[in-house]
Every structure is written in structure tokens, then in C-alpha cells.
Amino acid sequence: MAKESSFDVVSSVDMQEVDNAFQQTKREISQRYDLKGSGAEISLDKTKRTMTVSAPSDFVAKQVIDVIGSKLIRRGIELSSVKWGDPEPAAGQSVRQSATIIEGIDKDTAGKINKDIKGTKLKVKVQIEGDKLRVSSSSRDTLQEVIAFLKEQDYGQPLQYVNYR
């Protein structure tokens, strides 16, 4: 029997890069002429993996979210890894909007990925291990086909393919 090859499907975000984008956004909010003195603020909680934008209006909040989005993209973080909630009214006419940074693959998404891989009828084994999936096969070419297939799909979060052996 041939030696088994495998790779892991994970979804991870480099929090240091998120922090760098957050710091750049704070700096731009304090310096940009249309945002300076507007009362817009942004906060980051690394342990809870959340960001919160507070702004005097919905329009200003959207501008701040656009700024942080551009900084995240520049830092190599996909926007699909940040899920923004609905704007909530805060004190006065101000608005608060929170975002969570997705880490790991939840059970529902893992099951959907597993089902899609099995639907390709390729000879691979898929194991769900916590917040990642391990895909193994005796053929490396088959594993390459699975990676190419997964790259074409959209699961609402970025996927990385690691530990290819």
C-alpha cells in the first residue's frame, strides 16, 4: 500500500496583523480631515476577537469600516474573516457597530465542506478534528484536486491549506 499523504484545512487569522491594521486605522481617524474631530472611535479586544466602531452617524461608521477594511486587505487579511453585525443605536444619535473575527471552522461549516468533498467522488478520507479538517489520500494528485475544488467554493470565511505531507 502506498504511503498516505494529507493536508489540513484551517481558518486562522494573524491577530498581530489585525492589531497593526487597527493601529493604522486609529491613526488615520485622528488625522483624516473628514474624520478628525468627528467623534468616531474604534476599539479592539484581542482576547474576545472583537472590534467595535462608535460613530456619531451611520455614514461616519461606514467610513471607518471602509478604512479598517482597506487596512486589513493591505495587511493580507481577507474581509470574509471579519463578520460585522448590524448597527445599534447608542447614546444620542450615535451608532455602534461590532465585528467578530472568525477563528477556526465551526461544526456546520466543517460538515458542509466534508459533504462537498465527498460529493466530488474523489478517493479521499476527510476527518473533522475540532476546528480543522484533515484530508488524506494515497495520491498527492487527488489532494491537489481537492485543494483546487475547495478554492473555488465559498464558505463565508477564508480557508488555508497547511501541513501538506
C-alpha atoms as a PDB file:
ATOM      1  CA  MET A   1       0.000   0.000   0.000  1.00  0.00           C
ATOM      2  CA  ALA A   2       1.231   3.483  -0.834  1.00  0.00           C
ATOM      3  CA  LYS A   3       2.052   5.949   1.915  1.00  0.00           C
ATOM      4  CA  GLU A   4      -0.832   8.229   2.874  1.00  0.00           C
ATOM      5  CA  SER A   5      -0.456  11.938   2.119  1.00  0.00           C
ATOM      6  CA  SER A   6      -2.569  14.540   3.851  1.00  0.00           C
ATOM      7  CA  PHE A   7      -3.220  18.223   4.458  1.00  0.00           C
ATOM      8  CA  ASP A   8      -5.264  20.223   6.957  1.00  0.00           C
ATOM      9  CA  VAL A   9      -7.987  22.722   6.090  1.00  0.00           C
ATOM     10  CA  VAL A  10      -7.962  25.526   8.680  1.00  0.00           C
ATOM     11  CA  SER A  11      -9.292  29.041   9.044  1.00  0.00           C
ATOM     12  CA  SER A  12      -6.973  31.252  11.039  1.00  0.00           C
ATOM     13  CA  VAL A  13      -6.276  34.961  11.321  1.00  0.00           C
ATOM     14  CA  ASP A  14      -2.989  36.543  12.393  1.00  0.00           C
ATOM     15  CA  MET A  15      -4.127  38.746  15.299  1.00  0.00           C
ATOM     16  CA  GLN A  16      -0.868  40.730  15.166  1.00  0.00           C
ATOM     17  CA  GLU A  17      -1.739  41.848  11.639  1.00  0.00           C
ATOM     18  CA  VAL A  18      -5.288  42.710  12.791  1.00  0.00           C
ATOM     19  CA  ASP A  19      -3.759  44.791  15.604  1.00  0.00           C
ATOM     20  CA  ASN A  20      -1.446  46.546  13.127  1.00  0.00           C
ATOM     21  CA  ALA A  21      -4.412  47.376  10.857  1.00  0.00           C
ATOM     22  CA  PHE A  22      -6.346  48.597  13.926  1.00  0.00           C
ATOM     23  CA  GLN A  23      -3.475  50.906  14.965  1.00  0.00           C
ATOM     24  CA  GLN A  24      -3.195  52.302  11.424  1.00  0.00           C
ATOM     25  CA  THR A  25      -6.950  52.923  11.370  1.00  0.00           C
ATOM     26  CA  LYS A  26      -6.835  54.768  14.707  1.00  0.00           C
ATOM     27  CA  ARG A  27      -4.045  56.947  13.366  1.00  0.00           C
ATOM     28  CA  GLU A  28      -5.944  57.671  10.144  1.00  0.00           C
ATOM     29  CA  ILE A  29      -9.148  58.550  12.058  1.00  0.00           C
ATOM     30  CA  SER A  30      -7.218  61.116  14.101  1.00  0.00           C
ATOM     31  CA  GLN A  31      -5.533  62.626  11.008  1.00  0.00           C
ATOM     32  CA  ARG A  32      -8.025  62.400   8.140  1.00  0.00           C
ATOM     33  CA  TYR A  33      -9.788  65.727   7.574  1.00  0.00           C
ATOM     34  CA  ASP A  34     -13.307  64.296   7.271  1.00  0.00           C
ATOM     35  CA  LEU A  35     -12.957  62.012  10.308  1.00  0.00           C
ATOM     36  CA  LYS A  36     -10.802  64.222  12.555  1.00  0.00           C
ATOM     37  CA  GLY A  37     -12.891  65.540  15.444  1.00  0.00           C
ATOM     38  CA  SER A  38     -15.988  63.675  14.254  1.00  0.00           C
ATOM     39  CA  GLY A  39     -16.183  61.651  17.458  1.00  0.00           C
ATOM     40  CA  ALA A  40     -15.594  58.356  15.655  1.00  0.00           C
ATOM     41  CA  GLU A  41     -13.772  55.746  17.714  1.00  0.00           C
ATOM     42  CA  ILE A  42     -12.654  52.182  17.170  1.00  0.00           C
ATOM     43  CA  SER A  43     -11.701  49.579  19.753  1.00  0.00           C
ATOM     44  CA  LEU A  44     -10.187  46.105  19.554  1.00  0.00           C
ATOM     45  CA  ASP A  45     -10.456  43.291  22.105  1.00  0.00           C
ATOM     46  CA  LYS A  46      -7.806  40.710  21.173  1.00  0.00           C
ATOM     47  CA  THR A  47      -8.938  38.087  23.701  1.00  0.00           C
ATOM     48  CA  LYS A  48     -12.577  38.134  22.573  1.00  0.00           C
ATOM     49  CA  ARG A  49     -11.549  38.751  18.951  1.00  0.00           C
ATOM     50  CA  THR A  50     -13.964  41.656  18.519  1.00  0.00           C
ATOM     51  CA  MET A  51     -13.800  45.170  17.068  1.00  0.00           C
ATOM     52  CA  THR A  52     -16.254  47.947  17.849  1.00  0.00           C
ATOM     53  CA  VAL A  53     -16.823  51.140  15.892  1.00  0.00           C
ATOM     54  CA  SER A  54     -18.588  54.042  17.618  1.00  0.00           C
ATOM     55  CA  ALA A  55     -19.565  56.994  15.476  1.00  0.00           C
ATOM     56  CA  PRO A  56     -21.918  59.982  15.563  1.00  0.00           C
ATOM     57  CA  SER A  57     -23.816  58.721  12.492  1.00  0.00           C
ATOM     58  CA  ASP A  58     -24.276  55.652  10.340  1.00  0.00           C
ATOM     59  CA  PHE A  59     -22.445  57.375   7.475  1.00  0.00           C
ATOM     60  CA  VAL A  60     -19.321  58.036   9.576  1.00  0.00           C
ATOM     61  CA  ALA A  61     -19.420  54.441  10.919  1.00  0.00           C
ATOM     62  CA  LYS A  62     -19.435  53.118   7.338  1.00  0.00           C
ATOM     63  CA  GLN A  63     -16.439  55.338   6.507  1.00  0.00           C
ATOM     64  CA  VAL A  64     -14.479  53.978   9.486  1.00  0.00           C
ATOM     65  CA  ILE A  65     -15.404  50.390   8.497  1.00  0.00           C
ATOM     66  CA  ASP A  66     -14.155  51.109   4.952  1.00  0.00           C
ATOM     67  CA  VAL A  67     -10.873  52.422   6.376  1.00  0.00           C
ATOM     68  CA  ILE A  68     -10.324  49.362   8.587  1.00  0.00           C
ATOM     69  CA  GLY A  69     -11.277  47.128   5.644  1.00  0.00           C
ATOM     70  CA  SER A  70      -8.658  48.709   3.408  1.00  0.00           C
ATOM     71  CA  LYS A  71      -6.020  48.389   6.149  1.00  0.00           C
ATOM     72  CA  LEU A  72      -6.901  44.703   6.698  1.00  0.00           C
ATOM     73  CA  ILE A  73      -6.634  43.968   2.979  1.00  0.00           C
ATOM     74  CA  ARG A  74      -3.267  45.712   2.812  1.00  0.00           C
ATOM     75  CA  ARG A  75      -2.110  43.525   5.702  1.00  0.00           C
ATOM     76  CA  GLY A  76      -3.151  40.324   3.901  1.00  0.00           C
ATOM     77  CA  ILE A  77      -6.294  39.581   5.919  1.00  0.00           C
ATOM     78  CA  GLU A  78      -9.385  38.640   3.957  1.00  0.00           C
ATOM     79  CA  LEU A  79     -12.504  40.647   4.735  1.00  0.00           C
ATOM     80  CA  SER A  80     -14.551  37.452   4.942  1.00  0.00           C
ATOM     81  CA  SER A  81     -12.740  36.685   8.215  1.00  0.00           C
ATOM     82  CA  VAL A  82     -14.444  39.711   9.830  1.00  0.00           C
ATOM     83  CA  LYS A  83     -18.210  39.479  10.379  1.00  0.00           C
ATOM     84  CA  TRP A  84     -19.846  42.866  11.020  1.00  0.00           C
ATOM     85  CA  GLY A  85     -23.066  42.975  12.995  1.00  0.00           C
ATOM     86  CA  ASP A  86     -25.967  45.356  12.446  1.00  0.00           C
ATOM     87  CA  PRO A  87     -25.564  48.981  13.571  1.00  0.00           C
ATOM     88  CA  GLU A  88     -27.036  49.572  17.029  1.00  0.00           C
ATOM     89  CA  PRO A  89     -28.248  52.966  18.223  1.00  0.00           C
ATOM     90  CA  ALA A  90     -26.152  54.302  21.106  1.00  0.00           C
ATOM     91  CA  ALA A  91     -26.410  57.439  23.270  1.00  0.00           C
ATOM     92  CA  GLY A  92     -27.890  60.418  21.445  1.00  0.00           C
ATOM     93  CA  GLN A  93     -27.847  59.873  17.717  1.00  0.00           C
ATOM     94  CA  SER A  94     -24.598  57.938  17.728  1.00  0.00           C
ATOM     95  CA  VAL A  95     -24.205  54.458  16.294  1.00  0.00           C
ATOM     96  CA  ARG A  96     -22.206  51.457  17.471  1.00  0.00           C
ATOM     97  CA  GLN A  97     -21.283  48.515  15.253  1.00  0.00           C
ATOM     98  CA  SER A  98     -19.404  45.402  16.360  1.00  0.00           C
ATOM     99  CA  ALA A  99     -17.472  42.799  14.416  1.00  0.00           C
ATOM    100  CA  THR A 100     -16.159  39.375  15.328  1.00  0.00           C
ATOM    101  CA  ILE A 101     -13.011  37.906  13.851  1.00  0.00           C
ATOM    102  CA  ILE A 102     -13.621  34.323  12.760  1.00  0.00           C
ATOM    103  CA  GLU A 103     -11.092  31.784  14.015  1.00  0.00           C
ATOM    104  CA  GLY A 104     -11.430  28.087  13.261  1.00  0.00           C
ATOM    105  CA  ILE A 105     -14.066  26.207  11.302  1.00  0.00           C
ATOM    106  CA  ASP A 106     -17.363  25.641  13.130  1.00  0.00           C
ATOM    107  CA  LYS A 107     -19.137  22.251  13.030  1.00  0.00           C
ATOM    108  CA  ASP A 108     -21.763  23.300  10.473  1.00  0.00           C
ATOM    109  CA  THR A 109     -19.196  24.654   8.017  1.00  0.00           C
ATOM    110  CA  ALA A 110     -16.921  21.631   8.577  1.00  0.00           C
ATOM    111  CA  GLY A 111     -19.845  19.317   7.810  1.00  0.00           C
ATOM    112  CA  LYS A 112     -20.660  21.271   4.647  1.00  0.00           C
ATOM    113  CA  ILE A 113     -17.016  21.125   3.480  1.00  0.00           C
ATOM    114  CA  ASN A 114     -16.917  17.390   4.247  1.00  0.00           C
ATOM    115  CA  LYS A 115     -20.140  16.800   2.281  1.00  0.00           C
ATOM    116  CA  ASP A 116     -18.864  18.839  -0.683  1.00  0.00           C
ATOM    117  CA  ILE A 117     -15.554  16.927  -0.785  1.00  0.00           C
ATOM    118  CA  LYS A 118     -17.386  13.591  -0.660  1.00  0.00           C
ATOM    119  CA  GLY A 119     -19.649  14.874  -3.478  1.00  0.00           C
ATOM    120  CA  THR A 120     -16.630  15.141  -5.780  1.00  0.00           C
ATOM    121  CA  LYS A 121     -16.309  11.323  -5.692  1.00  0.00           C
ATOM    122  CA  LEU A 122     -12.529  11.594  -5.251  1.00  0.00           C
ATOM    123  CA  LYS A 123     -10.823   8.857  -3.254  1.00  0.00           C
ATOM    124  CA  VAL A 124     -10.023  10.814  -0.101  1.00  0.00           C
ATOM    125  CA  LYS A 125     -10.726  10.468   3.607  1.00  0.00           C
ATOM    126  CA  VAL A 126     -11.939  13.525   5.499  1.00  0.00           C
ATOM    127  CA  GLN A 127     -11.754  13.742   9.292  1.00  0.00           C
ATOM    128  CA  ILE A 128     -13.161  16.626  11.315  1.00  0.00           C
ATOM    129  CA  GLU A 129     -10.714  17.352  14.143  1.00  0.00           C
ATOM    130  CA  GLY A 130     -12.049  20.147  16.347  1.00  0.00           C
ATOM    131  CA  ASP A 131     -11.867  23.365  14.346  1.00  0.00           C
ATOM    132  CA  LYS A 132      -9.982  21.914  11.368  1.00  0.00           C
ATOM    133  CA  LEU A 133     -10.365  19.168   8.770  1.00  0.00           C
ATOM    134  CA  ARG A 134      -7.738  16.627   7.781  1.00  0.00           C
ATOM    135  CA  VAL A 135      -7.956  15.347   4.226  1.00  0.00           C
ATOM    136  CA  SER A 136      -5.860  12.283   3.375  1.00  0.00           C
ATOM    137  CA  SER A 137      -5.344  10.116   0.325  1.00  0.00           C
ATOM    138  CA  SER A 138      -2.747   7.799  -1.172  1.00  0.00           C
ATOM    139  CA  SER A 139      -2.487  10.074  -4.229  1.00  0.00           C
ATOM    140  CA  ARG A 140      -0.978  13.564  -3.936  1.00  0.00           C
ATOM    141  CA  ASP A 141      -2.618  14.490  -7.242  1.00  0.00           C
ATOM    142  CA  THR A 142      -6.023  13.764  -5.721  1.00  0.00           C
ATOM    143  CA  LEU A 143      -5.199  16.034  -2.780  1.00  0.00           C
ATOM    144  CA  GLN A 144      -4.242  18.784  -5.242  1.00  0.00           C
ATOM    145  CA  GLU A 145      -7.639  18.344  -6.922  1.00  0.00           C
ATOM    146  CA  VAL A 146      -9.390  18.688  -3.551  1.00  0.00           C
ATOM    147  CA  ILE A 147      -7.468  21.906  -2.780  1.00  0.00           C
ATOM    148  CA  ALA A 148      -8.342  23.308  -6.226  1.00  0.00           C
ATOM    149  CA  PHE A 149     -12.013  22.352  -5.673  1.00  0.00           C
ATOM    150  CA  LEU A 150     -12.128  23.997  -2.220  1.00  0.00           C
ATOM    151  CA  LYS A 151     -10.529  27.197  -3.541  1.00  0.00           C
ATOM    152  CA  GLU A 152     -13.446  27.549  -5.978  1.00  0.00           C
ATOM    153  CA  GLN A 153     -16.050  27.248  -3.187  1.00  0.00           C
ATOM    154  CA  ASP A 154     -17.271  29.984  -0.833  1.00  0.00           C
ATOM    155  CA  TYR A 155     -17.896  29.019   2.787  1.00  0.00           C
ATOM    156  CA  GLY A 156     -18.162  32.550   4.163  1.00  0.00           C
ATOM    157  CA  GLN A 157     -14.677  32.501   5.670  1.00  0.00           C
ATOM    158  CA  PRO A 158     -11.137  32.220   4.340  1.00  0.00           C
ATOM    159  CA  LEU A 159      -9.611  28.747   4.300  1.00  0.00           C
ATOM    160  CA  GLN A 160      -5.929  27.871   4.448  1.00  0.00           C
ATOM    161  CA  TYR A 161      -4.340  24.552   3.471  1.00  0.00           C
ATOM    162  CA  VAL A 162      -1.490  23.605   5.800  1.00  0.00           C
ATOM    163  CA  ASN A 163       0.643  20.604   6.830  1.00  0.00           C
ATOM    164  CA  TYR A 164       0.729  19.202   3.310  1.00  0.00           C
ATOM    165  CA  ARG A 165       2.720  15.978   3.575  1.00  0.00           C
END
